[in-house]
Amino acid sequence: MKEQEILEMQRLIDEGVRRAQSRLWQRAGAAHQSLVVCRGGKILEMVPDVEQGVSDASAGDPLARRSLR
């Protein structure tokens, strides 16, 4: 395999991963669910969208937003 083919294959793989992440993020937002991910060795809970009825006091805390559902 030539280096150009390898680079093109890697680009396609990276694009597919980004698309899959985007779809997962959209599905979680539509279902009002959070995502749990590992970044930099830390476990994080991510909330895709901020709900309308959430108070400002809990706006930065995904766990507080989740408990309000």
Protein backbone atom coordinates (compact mmCIF):
# COMPACT_ATOMS: atom_id res chain seq x y z
CA MET A 1 0.00 0.00 0.00
CA LYS A 2 1.28 3.45 -0.86
CA GLU A 3 1.59 6.15 1.75
CA GLN A 4 -1.06 8.24 -0.04
CA GLU A 5 -3.55 5.33 0.18
CA ILE A 6 -2.83 4.89 3.88
CA LEU A 7 -3.40 8.60 4.55
CA GLU A 8 -6.68 8.53 2.61
CA MET A 9 -7.87 5.45 4.51
CA GLN A 10 -6.99 7.10 7.84
CA ARG A 11 -8.88 10.25 6.80
CA LEU A 12 -11.96 8.19 5.98
CA ILE A 13 -11.77 6.34 9.29
CA ASP A 14 -11.44 9.61 11.22
CA GLU A 15 -14.41 11.08 9.34
CA GLY A 16 -16.51 8.01 10.16
CA VAL A 17 -15.64 8.25 13.84
CA ARG A 18 -16.61 11.96 13.90
CA ARG A 19 -19.93 11.17 12.22
CA ALA A 20 -20.68 8.38 14.70
CA GLN A 21 -19.89 10.67 17.64
CA SER A 22 -22.14 13.36 16.20
CA ARG A 23 -25.05 10.92 15.76
CA LEU A 24 -24.59 9.61 19.30
CA TRP A 25 -24.58 13.18 20.66
CA GLN A 26 -27.78 13.99 18.72
CA ARG A 27 -29.55 10.82 19.88
CA ALA A 28 -28.63 11.45 23.51
CA GLY A 29 -29.91 15.02 23.25
CA ALA A 30 -33.18 13.93 21.65
CA ALA A 31 -33.70 11.28 24.34
CA HIS A 32 -32.75 13.72 27.16
CA GLN A 33 -29.93 11.45 28.28
CA SER A 34 -26.34 12.09 29.26
CA LEU A 35 -23.18 10.49 27.92
CA VAL A 36 -20.43 9.09 30.14
CA VAL A 37 -16.97 9.34 28.59
CA CYS A 38 -13.36 8.94 29.63
CA ARG A 39 -11.12 11.92 28.79
CA GLY A 40 -7.59 12.30 30.03
CA GLY A 41 -8.05 9.43 32.47
CA LYS A 42 -11.12 11.03 34.08
CA ILE A 43 -14.71 9.83 33.86
CA LEU A 44 -17.05 12.64 32.78
CA GLU A 45 -20.81 12.80 32.39
CA MET A 46 -21.77 15.06 29.49
CA VAL A 47 -25.23 16.47 28.89
CA PRO A 48 -25.83 17.24 25.18
CA ASP A 49 -28.32 20.08 25.63
CA VAL A 50 -29.55 22.36 28.37
CA GLU A 51 -33.20 21.88 29.17
CA GLN A 52 -35.60 24.82 29.37
CA GLY A 53 -36.72 24.33 32.99
CA VAL A 54 -33.27 24.17 34.58
CA SER A 55 -32.35 26.84 37.11
CA ASP A 56 -29.16 28.87 36.78
CA ALA A 57 -27.79 27.40 40.01
CA SER A 58 -27.46 23.96 38.40
CA ALA A 59 -26.56 25.14 34.88
CA GLY A 60 -22.90 24.08 35.15
CA ASP A 61 -23.48 20.77 36.91
CA PRO A 62 -24.57 17.90 34.62
CA LEU A 63 -25.46 15.70 37.60
CA ALA A 64 -27.79 18.37 38.98
CA ARG A 65 -29.45 18.75 35.56
CA ARG A 66 -29.92 15.00 35.36
CA SER A 67 -31.62 14.84 38.75
CA LEU A 68 -34.10 17.52 37.66
CA ARG A 69 -35.46 15.39 34.82
